[in-house]
Structures are given as C-alpha cells and as structure tokens.
C-alpha cells in the first residue's frame, strides 16, 4: 500500500469533505476521488459514506484511520531517528501513560539542553499503551507496577501512587481521615478496569473482587472527568493520588486507604528493542542516577 494514499485518506477523513481535502493536499478533486476509489478497490472495502456535503467513515474506515495515523507517525519517527546525530539531537520522543513529576522534569531538562527535541505524550489505558509500545509507536511508557519483565525493561521511578477514594465533601465517609476495608465494602465503587490493579485491591482487602459492589470501571488512573464521576453518585471513585498531592479539590476530597496501599511508577520500554539514538540519550541523560 502506497504511503501517499494513506496521507490522502487521512486528509479526507480529517476534513470530512473531498473538495476541502483536495485543497489541503494541493491536488484536484477528481484526482483525489480517483485515488480514494483505488484505495477502496485495493482493500476491497468501502471506507467512506458519501453524503451531499460531508463524508463519514465506515467501520472499516475508522480502523484504517487509526492504523494510518500510527503508520505515518512511525515512518516520520524513523526518518527522524535515521537523520538524527547525537551532537545535534533533534526529533520527537514519545511517551505513553501517565507522565508523572519525574518524567516531566526530565523532559524539561532534556529540552533545555537540546531545544530541537520535543516530546509527545499519549494518554490512554494500559492495554492501548502497551500495544503502541509493542509496535514502535512509543519510545517509552509510564505505568504503575508490577511490570511484565519478560516483555519490558524498566526503571523504577521515585514517584508513587497512594490509593484511596475520591468523594464529595458531604459524603458520610468524608469525615474519616482514612478508609478501611469495611468502609470500602459498604459503598458502591468505581475502579480501574486493569486486572492487575483490581487484584492488588483484592489482596489489600484480603478478599475477592466479588465482595465489592463495583458500580462501574474506568480505564485511566486517575479517571478522566474525576469531578463529574464523583458528583454523579454512581459510587465512590477508587483511584490514586500522588503522595505529595493536596487532598482537597473544590467540593471533592481524597481519603487514603488504611493500611496504606502505595504503588510505584516505572518508565518502561520494549525489551530487546533497537532503541533510537535520541531515546538512548534521553534515558542516559535523565535517569542515570536512578
């Protein structure tokens, strides 16, 4: 498949209009239409639902859009790595997961020394992050321990996540300084869907997951739209906070678990991966003392 066709497809998908996409690409509309038809014929599927003024993607088109973005990004990243010289570092370092304090500070220091280097942070759930890491779209990822050491090399970061619940300040548990197992079992909870994190909670409580009233799950720690989730009264949000955080967030508060449950963050990368000079230098420059 020609990479040029993927660029044409992405431009059309992003614009939602073939005429506008053709102007962006500096080609004629008939030429772009023909190229898109050839792409559909090559893939033996329909990628667009063509309306009078706007086109939308079919299910197959949505899949191709995601993969095209990854392929083009990977190609551009590879070109940067090949053309990069250590004495004049430039390009993009991609980091997935939760860019915590130590990683953000490392990025800031590295950018000061190498202004032509920029960073791209990608936030999603652990499954998506590790898939992107496997396919070379990401250089590094920041995940909560434990780490699959058969697949990944890693550096333990000084940042830790203290587990507890986010609740409204008028919730009856807000008067507590900490949350016990019995407290947690007495209310509906919203928790992360990652199986390992769920097992950690069950081990902490010395019970099985079925004992909890799990009202919902989410895929990012802390969950996006935290305040909206907590204010919904669907359940208390079982998640994490940095140990140094202020535990008050407007009319939302955080109460840590007791006994304390604290997990470490790790910077991970694919084991036996041919690391780019840029990624190697970032690792050496930023984390040699850890």
C-alpha atoms as a PDB file:
ATOM      1  CA  UNK A   1       0.000   0.000   0.000  1.00  0.00           C
ATOM      2  CA  UNK A   2       1.384   3.395  -1.038  1.00  0.00           C
ATOM      3  CA  UNK A   3       2.055   5.691   1.926  1.00  0.00           C
ATOM      4  CA  UNK A   4       0.887   8.581  -0.267  1.00  0.00           C
ATOM      5  CA  UNK A   5      -2.584   7.022  -0.474  1.00  0.00           C
ATOM      6  CA  UNK A   6      -2.708   6.790   3.303  1.00  0.00           C
ATOM      7  CA  UNK A   7      -1.903  10.512   3.546  1.00  0.00           C
ATOM      8  CA  UNK A   8      -4.692  11.274   1.044  1.00  0.00           C
ATOM      9  CA  UNK A   9      -7.087   9.077   3.012  1.00  0.00           C
ATOM     10  CA  UNK A  10      -6.207  10.738   6.345  1.00  0.00           C
ATOM     11  CA  UNK A  11      -6.585  14.248   4.919  1.00  0.00           C
ATOM     12  CA  UNK A  12     -10.020  13.354   3.569  1.00  0.00           C
ATOM     13  CA  UNK A  13     -11.072  11.687   6.833  1.00  0.00           C
ATOM     14  CA  UNK A  14      -9.938  14.723   8.831  1.00  0.00           C
ATOM     15  CA  UNK A  15     -11.604  17.279   6.546  1.00  0.00           C
ATOM     16  CA  UNK A  16     -14.804  15.283   6.071  1.00  0.00           C
ATOM     17  CA  UNK A  17     -15.034  16.729   2.601  1.00  0.00           C
ATOM     18  CA  UNK A  18     -13.185  15.708  -0.580  1.00  0.00           C
ATOM     19  CA  UNK A  19     -13.099  19.250  -2.013  1.00  0.00           C
ATOM     20  CA  UNK A  20     -11.561  20.697   1.154  1.00  0.00           C
ATOM     21  CA  UNK A  21      -9.112  17.796   1.410  1.00  0.00           C
ATOM     22  CA  UNK A  22      -8.021  18.298  -2.200  1.00  0.00           C
ATOM     23  CA  UNK A  23      -7.245  21.953  -1.476  1.00  0.00           C
ATOM     24  CA  UNK A  24      -5.220  20.965   1.594  1.00  0.00           C
ATOM     25  CA  UNK A  25      -3.270  18.424  -0.448  1.00  0.00           C
ATOM     26  CA  UNK A  26      -2.865  20.814  -3.410  1.00  0.00           C
ATOM     27  CA  UNK A  27      -4.349  18.372  -5.902  1.00  0.00           C
ATOM     28  CA  UNK A  28      -7.560  18.421  -7.938  1.00  0.00           C
ATOM     29  CA  UNK A  29     -10.788  16.971  -6.594  1.00  0.00           C
ATOM     30  CA  UNK A  30     -11.203  14.446  -9.454  1.00  0.00           C
ATOM     31  CA  UNK A  31      -7.654  13.210  -8.876  1.00  0.00           C
ATOM     32  CA  UNK A  32      -8.248  12.764  -5.133  1.00  0.00           C
ATOM     33  CA  UNK A  33     -11.569  10.988  -5.738  1.00  0.00           C
ATOM     34  CA  UNK A  34      -9.843   8.594  -8.115  1.00  0.00           C
ATOM     35  CA  UNK A  35      -7.047   7.888  -5.622  1.00  0.00           C
ATOM     36  CA  UNK A  36      -9.564   7.130  -2.875  1.00  0.00           C
ATOM     37  CA  UNK A  37     -11.514   4.808  -5.155  1.00  0.00           C
ATOM     38  CA  UNK A  38      -8.282   2.969  -5.984  1.00  0.00           C
ATOM     39  CA  UNK A  39      -7.560   2.595  -2.262  1.00  0.00           C
ATOM     40  CA  UNK A  40     -11.034   1.135  -1.643  1.00  0.00           C
ATOM     41  CA  UNK A  41     -10.569  -1.220  -4.585  1.00  0.00           C
ATOM     42  CA  UNK A  42      -7.176  -2.337  -3.278  1.00  0.00           C
ATOM     43  CA  UNK A  43      -8.621  -3.050   0.172  1.00  0.00           C
ATOM     44  CA  UNK A  44     -11.838  -4.494  -1.302  1.00  0.00           C
ATOM     45  CA  UNK A  45     -13.990  -2.475   1.095  1.00  0.00           C
ATOM     46  CA  UNK A  46     -15.903   0.810   1.371  1.00  0.00           C
ATOM     47  CA  UNK A  47     -14.121   3.376   3.521  1.00  0.00           C
ATOM     48  CA  UNK A  48     -16.479   6.352   3.193  1.00  0.00           C
ATOM     49  CA  UNK A  49     -20.200   7.008   3.318  1.00  0.00           C
ATOM     50  CA  UNK A  50     -20.540   9.822   0.773  1.00  0.00           C
ATOM     51  CA  UNK A  51     -23.149  12.479   1.512  1.00  0.00           C
ATOM     52  CA  UNK A  52     -24.003  15.603  -0.469  1.00  0.00           C
ATOM     53  CA  UNK A  53     -21.756  17.899   1.558  1.00  0.00           C
ATOM     54  CA  UNK A  54     -19.964  15.669   4.011  1.00  0.00           C
ATOM     55  CA  UNK A  55     -18.460  12.223   4.035  1.00  0.00           C
ATOM     56  CA  UNK A  56     -18.185   9.977   7.070  1.00  0.00           C
ATOM     57  CA  UNK A  57     -16.106   6.901   7.757  1.00  0.00           C
ATOM     58  CA  UNK A  58     -17.434   3.374   7.700  1.00  0.00           C
ATOM     59  CA  UNK A  59     -16.346   0.950  10.433  1.00  0.00           C
ATOM     60  CA  UNK A  60     -13.550  -0.209   8.120  1.00  0.00           C
ATOM     61  CA  UNK A  61     -12.607   3.415   7.513  1.00  0.00           C
ATOM     62  CA  UNK A  62     -12.351   4.083  11.249  1.00  0.00           C
ATOM     63  CA  UNK A  63      -9.977   1.125  11.632  1.00  0.00           C
ATOM     64  CA  UNK A  64      -7.845   2.302   8.700  1.00  0.00           C
ATOM     65  CA  UNK A  65      -7.739   5.843  10.095  1.00  0.00           C
ATOM     66  CA  UNK A  66      -6.272   4.656  13.388  1.00  0.00           C
ATOM     67  CA  UNK A  67      -3.720   2.418  11.695  1.00  0.00           C
ATOM     68  CA  UNK A  68      -2.812   5.062   9.117  1.00  0.00           C
ATOM     69  CA  UNK A  69      -2.040   7.569  11.859  1.00  0.00           C
ATOM     70  CA  UNK A  70       0.212   5.007  13.542  1.00  0.00           C
ATOM     71  CA  UNK A  71       1.951   4.020  10.279  1.00  0.00           C
ATOM     72  CA  UNK A  72       2.641   7.590   9.175  1.00  0.00           C
ATOM     73  CA  UNK A  73       3.772   8.625  12.647  1.00  0.00           C
ATOM     74  CA  UNK A  74       6.102   5.622  12.803  1.00  0.00           C
ATOM     75  CA  UNK A  75       7.508   6.397   9.369  1.00  0.00           C
ATOM     76  CA  UNK A  76       8.184  10.035  10.288  1.00  0.00           C
ATOM     77  CA  UNK A  77       9.722   8.953  13.573  1.00  0.00           C
ATOM     78  CA  UNK A  78      12.007   6.501  11.755  1.00  0.00           C
ATOM     79  CA  UNK A  79      13.152   9.207   9.351  1.00  0.00           C
ATOM     80  CA  UNK A  80      13.956  11.475  12.301  1.00  0.00           C
ATOM     81  CA  UNK A  81      15.951   8.736  14.006  1.00  0.00           C
ATOM     82  CA  UNK A  82      17.987   7.963  10.892  1.00  0.00           C
ATOM     83  CA  UNK A  83      18.788  11.627  10.290  1.00  0.00           C
ATOM     84  CA  UNK A  84      19.478  12.434  13.944  1.00  0.00           C
ATOM     85  CA  UNK A  85      23.040  12.999  15.156  1.00  0.00           C
ATOM     86  CA  UNK A  86      23.988  12.855  18.822  1.00  0.00           C
ATOM     87  CA  UNK A  87      25.932  16.117  18.583  1.00  0.00           C
ATOM     88  CA  UNK A  88      22.872  17.898  17.265  1.00  0.00           C
ATOM     89  CA  UNK A  89      19.917  15.961  18.607  1.00  0.00           C
ATOM     90  CA  UNK A  90      16.512  16.725  17.163  1.00  0.00           C
ATOM     91  CA  UNK A  91      13.213  14.957  16.772  1.00  0.00           C
ATOM     92  CA  UNK A  92      10.377  13.705  18.951  1.00  0.00           C
ATOM     93  CA  UNK A  93      10.386  11.433  21.990  1.00  0.00           C
ATOM     94  CA  UNK A  94       7.042   9.728  22.506  1.00  0.00           C
ATOM     95  CA  UNK A  95       5.924   8.719  25.988  1.00  0.00           C
ATOM     96  CA  UNK A  96       2.672   6.981  26.794  1.00  0.00           C
ATOM     97  CA  UNK A  97       0.774   6.561  30.035  1.00  0.00           C
ATOM     98  CA  UNK A  98       0.903   8.929  32.966  1.00  0.00           C
ATOM     99  CA  UNK A  99       3.737  11.485  32.581  1.00  0.00           C
ATOM    100  CA  UNK A 100       4.377  11.991  36.297  1.00  0.00           C
ATOM    101  CA  UNK A 101       6.573  14.566  38.005  1.00  0.00           C
ATOM    102  CA  UNK A 102       9.968  12.923  37.500  1.00  0.00           C
ATOM    103  CA  UNK A 103       9.337  12.230  33.800  1.00  0.00           C
ATOM    104  CA  UNK A 104       8.044  15.750  33.146  1.00  0.00           C
ATOM    105  CA  UNK A 105      11.053  17.256  34.910  1.00  0.00           C
ATOM    106  CA  UNK A 106      13.391  15.008  32.929  1.00  0.00           C
ATOM    107  CA  UNK A 107      11.702  16.135  29.713  1.00  0.00           C
ATOM    108  CA  UNK A 108      12.053  19.795  30.696  1.00  0.00           C
ATOM    109  CA  UNK A 109      15.767  19.423  31.493  1.00  0.00           C
ATOM    110  CA  UNK A 110      16.443  17.485  28.293  1.00  0.00           C
ATOM    111  CA  UNK A 111      14.630  20.076  26.176  1.00  0.00           C
ATOM    112  CA  UNK A 112      16.720  22.855  27.716  1.00  0.00           C
ATOM    113  CA  UNK A 113      19.897  21.061  26.650  1.00  0.00           C
ATOM    114  CA  UNK A 114      18.504  20.009  23.258  1.00  0.00           C
ATOM    115  CA  UNK A 115      15.939  22.644  22.162  1.00  0.00           C
ATOM    116  CA  UNK A 116      15.331  20.855  18.837  1.00  0.00           C
ATOM    117  CA  UNK A 117      13.934  17.861  20.732  1.00  0.00           C
ATOM    118  CA  UNK A 118      10.242  17.880  21.595  1.00  0.00           C
ATOM    119  CA  UNK A 119       8.025  15.442  23.457  1.00  0.00           C
ATOM    120  CA  UNK A 120       4.726  13.842  22.582  1.00  0.00           C
ATOM    121  CA  UNK A 121       2.662  12.476  25.460  1.00  0.00           C
ATOM    122  CA  UNK A 122      -0.065   9.933  24.791  1.00  0.00           C
ATOM    123  CA  UNK A 123      -2.639   9.221  27.469  1.00  0.00           C
ATOM    124  CA  UNK A 124      -4.734   6.071  27.317  1.00  0.00           C
ATOM    125  CA  UNK A 125      -5.293   2.819  29.167  1.00  0.00           C
ATOM    126  CA  UNK A 126      -2.501   0.302  29.802  1.00  0.00           C
ATOM    127  CA  UNK A 127      -3.705  -2.073  27.064  1.00  0.00           C
ATOM    128  CA  UNK A 128      -3.584   0.608  24.388  1.00  0.00           C
ATOM    129  CA  UNK A 129      -0.273   1.990  25.673  1.00  0.00           C
ATOM    130  CA  UNK A 130       1.499  -1.374  25.637  1.00  0.00           C
ATOM    131  CA  UNK A 131       0.149  -2.143  22.159  1.00  0.00           C
ATOM    132  CA  UNK A 132       1.613   1.120  20.854  1.00  0.00           C
ATOM    133  CA  UNK A 133       4.884   0.355  22.626  1.00  0.00           C
ATOM    134  CA  UNK A 134       4.982  -3.106  21.028  1.00  0.00           C
ATOM    135  CA  UNK A 135       4.539  -1.649  17.544  1.00  0.00           C
ATOM    136  CA  UNK A 136       7.212   1.021  17.983  1.00  0.00           C
ATOM    137  CA  UNK A 137       4.841   3.989  18.039  1.00  0.00           C
ATOM    138  CA  UNK A 138       6.051   4.908  21.543  1.00  0.00           C
ATOM    139  CA  UNK A 139       9.616   5.116  22.845  1.00  0.00           C
ATOM    140  CA  UNK A 140       8.633   4.770  26.493  1.00  0.00           C
ATOM    141  CA  UNK A 141       5.613   4.362  28.720  1.00  0.00           C
ATOM    142  CA  UNK A 142       4.932   5.233  32.346  1.00  0.00           C
ATOM    143  CA  UNK A 143       2.861   2.589  34.119  1.00  0.00           C
ATOM    144  CA  UNK A 144       2.111   1.525  37.642  1.00  0.00           C
ATOM    145  CA  UNK A 145       3.980  -1.533  38.876  1.00  0.00           C
ATOM    146  CA  UNK A 146       4.014  -4.502  38.590  1.00  0.00           C
ATOM    147  CA  UNK A 147       5.703  -4.630  35.171  1.00  0.00           C
ATOM    148  CA  UNK A 148       5.884  -7.623  32.840  1.00  0.00           C
ATOM    149  CA  UNK A 149       9.662  -8.110  32.940  1.00  0.00           C
ATOM    150  CA  UNK A 150       9.551 -10.748  30.194  1.00  0.00           C
ATOM    151  CA  UNK A 151       8.437  -8.102  27.702  1.00  0.00           C
ATOM    152  CA  UNK A 152       9.844  -4.854  29.067  1.00  0.00           C
ATOM    153  CA  UNK A 153      12.940  -3.302  30.532  1.00  0.00           C
ATOM    154  CA  UNK A 154      12.198  -0.606  33.074  1.00  0.00           C
ATOM    155  CA  UNK A 155      13.494   1.934  35.550  1.00  0.00           C
ATOM    156  CA  UNK A 156      11.716   2.320  38.864  1.00  0.00           C
ATOM    157  CA  UNK A 157      10.719   5.957  39.282  1.00  0.00           C
ATOM    158  CA  UNK A 158      10.668   7.796  42.615  1.00  0.00           C
ATOM    159  CA  UNK A 159       7.012   8.743  42.097  1.00  0.00           C
ATOM    160  CA  UNK A 160       4.428   6.705  43.961  1.00  0.00           C
ATOM    161  CA  UNK A 161       0.653   6.441  43.811  1.00  0.00           C
ATOM    162  CA  UNK A 162      -1.244   6.398  47.090  1.00  0.00           C
ATOM    163  CA  UNK A 163      -4.553   4.601  46.772  1.00  0.00           C
ATOM    164  CA  UNK A 164      -7.781   5.834  48.255  1.00  0.00           C
ATOM    165  CA  UNK A 165     -11.201   7.164  47.300  1.00  0.00           C
ATOM    166  CA  UNK A 166     -12.390  10.435  45.804  1.00  0.00           C
ATOM    167  CA  UNK A 167     -15.709  11.522  47.307  1.00  0.00           C
ATOM    168  CA  UNK A 168     -17.858  14.598  47.730  1.00  0.00           C
ATOM    169  CA  UNK A 169     -17.133  16.537  50.903  1.00  0.00           C
ATOM    170  CA  UNK A 170     -20.689  15.951  52.112  1.00  0.00           C
ATOM    171  CA  UNK A 171     -20.330  12.147  51.768  1.00  0.00           C
ATOM    172  CA  UNK A 172     -20.570  10.334  55.093  1.00  0.00           C
ATOM    173  CA  UNK A 173     -17.064   8.849  54.615  1.00  0.00           C
ATOM    174  CA  UNK A 174     -15.539  12.318  54.167  1.00  0.00           C
ATOM    175  CA  UNK A 175     -15.394  12.741  57.953  1.00  0.00           C
ATOM    176  CA  UNK A 176     -12.894   9.854  58.110  1.00  0.00           C
ATOM    177  CA  UNK A 177      -9.150  10.515  57.921  1.00  0.00           C
ATOM    178  CA  UNK A 178      -8.667   7.233  56.089  1.00  0.00           C
ATOM    179  CA  UNK A 179     -10.714   4.429  54.505  1.00  0.00           C
ATOM    180  CA  UNK A 180     -10.723   0.880  55.865  1.00  0.00           C
ATOM    181  CA  UNK A 181     -11.680  -2.367  54.177  1.00  0.00           C
ATOM    182  CA  UNK A 182     -15.081  -2.308  55.884  1.00  0.00           C
ATOM    183  CA  UNK A 183     -15.669   1.266  54.669  1.00  0.00           C
ATOM    184  CA  UNK A 184     -14.896   0.251  51.099  1.00  0.00           C
ATOM    185  CA  UNK A 185     -17.120  -2.805  51.227  1.00  0.00           C
ATOM    186  CA  UNK A 186     -20.044  -0.716  52.484  1.00  0.00           C
ATOM    187  CA  UNK A 187     -20.417   1.512  49.403  1.00  0.00           C
ATOM    188  CA  UNK A 188     -20.654   1.143  45.609  1.00  0.00           C
ATOM    189  CA  UNK A 189     -17.280   1.854  43.996  1.00  0.00           C
ATOM    190  CA  UNK A 190     -15.898   2.910  40.629  1.00  0.00           C
ATOM    191  CA  UNK A 191     -12.488   1.384  39.982  1.00  0.00           C
ATOM    192  CA  UNK A 192      -9.884   0.855  37.283  1.00  0.00           C
ATOM    193  CA  UNK A 193     -10.551  -1.979  34.837  1.00  0.00           C
ATOM    194  CA  UNK A 194      -6.899  -3.177  34.715  1.00  0.00           C
ATOM    195  CA  UNK A 195      -6.985  -6.705  36.118  1.00  0.00           C
ATOM    196  CA  UNK A 196      -3.678  -6.438  37.979  1.00  0.00           C
ATOM    197  CA  UNK A 197      -4.747  -3.282  39.806  1.00  0.00           C
ATOM    198  CA  UNK A 198      -8.024  -4.926  40.753  1.00  0.00           C
ATOM    199  CA  UNK A 199      -6.080  -7.893  42.140  1.00  0.00           C
ATOM    200  CA  UNK A 200      -3.905  -5.507  44.173  1.00  0.00           C
ATOM    201  CA  UNK A 201      -7.031  -4.035  45.759  1.00  0.00           C
ATOM    202  CA  UNK A 202      -8.430  -7.505  46.500  1.00  0.00           C
ATOM    203  CA  UNK A 203      -5.118  -8.557  48.093  1.00  0.00           C
ATOM    204  CA  UNK A 204      -5.094  -5.379  50.175  1.00  0.00           C
ATOM    205  CA  UNK A 205      -8.616  -6.144  51.401  1.00  0.00           C
ATOM    206  CA  UNK A 206      -7.807  -9.860  51.847  1.00  0.00           C
ATOM    207  CA  UNK A 207     -10.960 -10.774  49.981  1.00  0.00           C
ATOM    208  CA  UNK A 208     -12.115 -11.445  46.430  1.00  0.00           C
ATOM    209  CA  UNK A 209     -13.402  -8.911  43.905  1.00  0.00           C
ATOM    210  CA  UNK A 210     -16.915 -10.339  44.097  1.00  0.00           C
ATOM    211  CA  UNK A 211     -17.152  -8.979  47.646  1.00  0.00           C
ATOM    212  CA  UNK A 212     -17.054  -5.418  46.326  1.00  0.00           C
ATOM    213  CA  UNK A 213     -20.043  -3.548  44.958  1.00  0.00           C
ATOM    214  CA  UNK A 214     -18.405  -2.441  41.686  1.00  0.00           C
ATOM    215  CA  UNK A 215     -20.813   0.021  40.086  1.00  0.00           C
ATOM    216  CA  UNK A 216     -18.515   0.920  37.158  1.00  0.00           C
ATOM    217  CA  UNK A 217     -14.967   0.668  35.835  1.00  0.00           C
ATOM    218  CA  UNK A 218     -12.767   3.176  34.022  1.00  0.00           C
ATOM    219  CA  UNK A 219      -9.586   2.842  32.006  1.00  0.00           C
ATOM    220  CA  UNK A 220      -7.227   5.610  33.175  1.00  0.00           C
ATOM    221  CA  UNK A 221      -5.741   6.358  36.598  1.00  0.00           C
ATOM    222  CA  UNK A 222      -6.881   8.836  37.841  1.00  0.00           C
ATOM    223  CA  UNK A 223     -10.057   8.634  35.771  1.00  0.00           C
ATOM    224  CA  UNK A 224     -10.802  11.445  33.355  1.00  0.00           C
ATOM    225  CA  UNK A 225     -13.535  13.906  34.396  1.00  0.00           C
ATOM    226  CA  UNK A 226     -12.945  12.935  38.027  1.00  0.00           C
ATOM    227  CA  UNK A 227     -15.281  15.542  39.468  1.00  0.00           C
ATOM    228  CA  UNK A 228     -18.151  14.611  37.155  1.00  0.00           C
ATOM    229  CA  UNK A 229     -17.702  10.929  38.003  1.00  0.00           C
ATOM    230  CA  UNK A 230     -17.699  11.573  41.757  1.00  0.00           C
ATOM    231  CA  UNK A 231     -20.609  14.007  41.646  1.00  0.00           C
ATOM    232  CA  UNK A 232     -22.755  11.505  39.751  1.00  0.00           C
ATOM    233  CA  UNK A 233     -23.391   9.495  42.952  1.00  0.00           C
ATOM    234  CA  UNK A 234     -22.794   6.306  40.962  1.00  0.00           C
ATOM    235  CA  UNK A 235     -20.183   5.347  43.534  1.00  0.00           C
ATOM    236  CA  UNK A 236     -17.012   6.454  45.296  1.00  0.00           C
ATOM    237  CA  UNK A 237     -14.042   6.642  42.918  1.00  0.00           C
ATOM    238  CA  UNK A 238     -11.309   4.223  43.975  1.00  0.00           C
ATOM    239  CA  UNK A 239      -8.170   5.609  42.404  1.00  0.00           C
ATOM    240  CA  UNK A 240      -4.777   7.053  43.220  1.00  0.00           C
ATOM    241  CA  UNK A 241      -3.150  10.328  44.125  1.00  0.00           C
ATOM    242  CA  UNK A 242       0.468  11.347  44.345  1.00  0.00           C
ATOM    243  CA  UNK A 243       1.722  11.083  47.900  1.00  0.00           C
ATOM    244  CA  UNK A 244       2.516  14.809  47.808  1.00  0.00           C
ATOM    245  CA  UNK A 245      -0.899  15.890  46.499  1.00  0.00           C
ATOM    246  CA  UNK A 246      -3.246  18.251  48.258  1.00  0.00           C
ATOM    247  CA  UNK A 247      -6.208  16.037  49.114  1.00  0.00           C
ATOM    248  CA  UNK A 248      -8.805  18.776  48.619  1.00  0.00           C
ATOM    249  CA  UNK A 249     -10.217  19.516  45.127  1.00  0.00           C
ATOM    250  CA  UNK A 250     -13.021  22.080  45.393  1.00  0.00           C
ATOM    251  CA  UNK A 251     -16.018  20.173  46.727  1.00  0.00           C
ATOM    252  CA  UNK A 252     -14.211  16.842  46.163  1.00  0.00           C
ATOM    253  CA  UNK A 253     -11.782  15.267  48.631  1.00  0.00           C
ATOM    254  CA  UNK A 254      -9.432  12.272  48.656  1.00  0.00           C
ATOM    255  CA  UNK A 255      -9.174   9.862  51.579  1.00  0.00           C
ATOM    256  CA  UNK A 256      -6.320   7.305  51.568  1.00  0.00           C
ATOM    257  CA  UNK A 257      -6.749   3.627  52.321  1.00  0.00           C
ATOM    258  CA  UNK A 258      -5.650   2.201  55.666  1.00  0.00           C
ATOM    259  CA  UNK A 259      -3.491   0.130  55.811  1.00  0.00           C
ATOM    260  CA  UNK A 260      -1.708   2.301  53.262  1.00  0.00           C
ATOM    261  CA  UNK A 261      -1.588   0.923  49.720  1.00  0.00           C
ATOM    262  CA  UNK A 262       1.175   2.562  47.721  1.00  0.00           C
ATOM    263  CA  UNK A 263       2.318   1.502  44.244  1.00  0.00           C
ATOM    264  CA  UNK A 264       5.403   2.599  42.321  1.00  0.00           C
ATOM    265  CA  UNK A 265       5.583   4.064  38.844  1.00  0.00           C
ATOM    266  CA  UNK A 266       8.056   2.725  36.295  1.00  0.00           C
ATOM    267  CA  UNK A 267       9.411   4.025  32.999  1.00  0.00           C
ATOM    268  CA  UNK A 268       9.294   1.055  30.621  1.00  0.00           C
ATOM    269  CA  UNK A 269      10.448   0.259  27.096  1.00  0.00           C
ATOM    270  CA  UNK A 270      10.276  -2.820  24.917  1.00  0.00           C
ATOM    271  CA  UNK A 271      12.874  -5.468  25.790  1.00  0.00           C
ATOM    272  CA  UNK A 272      15.438  -6.220  23.053  1.00  0.00           C
ATOM    273  CA  UNK A 273      14.189  -3.242  21.050  1.00  0.00           C
ATOM    274  CA  UNK A 274      16.632  -1.328  18.829  1.00  0.00           C
ATOM    275  CA  UNK A 275      16.398   1.993  20.639  1.00  0.00           C
ATOM    276  CA  UNK A 276      16.943   5.198  18.679  1.00  0.00           C
ATOM    277  CA  UNK A 277      19.977   7.404  19.490  1.00  0.00           C
ATOM    278  CA  UNK A 278      17.560  10.077  20.687  1.00  0.00           C
ATOM    279  CA  UNK A 279      15.756   7.743  23.105  1.00  0.00           C
ATOM    280  CA  UNK A 280      19.078   6.313  24.329  1.00  0.00           C
ATOM    281  CA  UNK A 281      20.432   9.769  25.076  1.00  0.00           C
ATOM    282  CA  UNK A 282      17.246  10.766  26.920  1.00  0.00           C
ATOM    283  CA  UNK A 283      17.480   7.644  29.065  1.00  0.00           C
ATOM    284  CA  UNK A 284      21.173   8.133  29.786  1.00  0.00           C
ATOM    285  CA  UNK A 285      20.890  11.864  30.399  1.00  0.00           C
ATOM    286  CA  UNK A 286      17.777  11.808  32.564  1.00  0.00           C
ATOM    287  CA  UNK A 287      17.796   8.606  34.624  1.00  0.00           C
ATOM    288  CA  UNK A 288      21.416   7.539  35.113  1.00  0.00           C
ATOM    289  CA  UNK A 289      21.202   8.285  38.845  1.00  0.00           C
ATOM    290  CA  UNK A 290      18.066   6.209  39.446  1.00  0.00           C
END
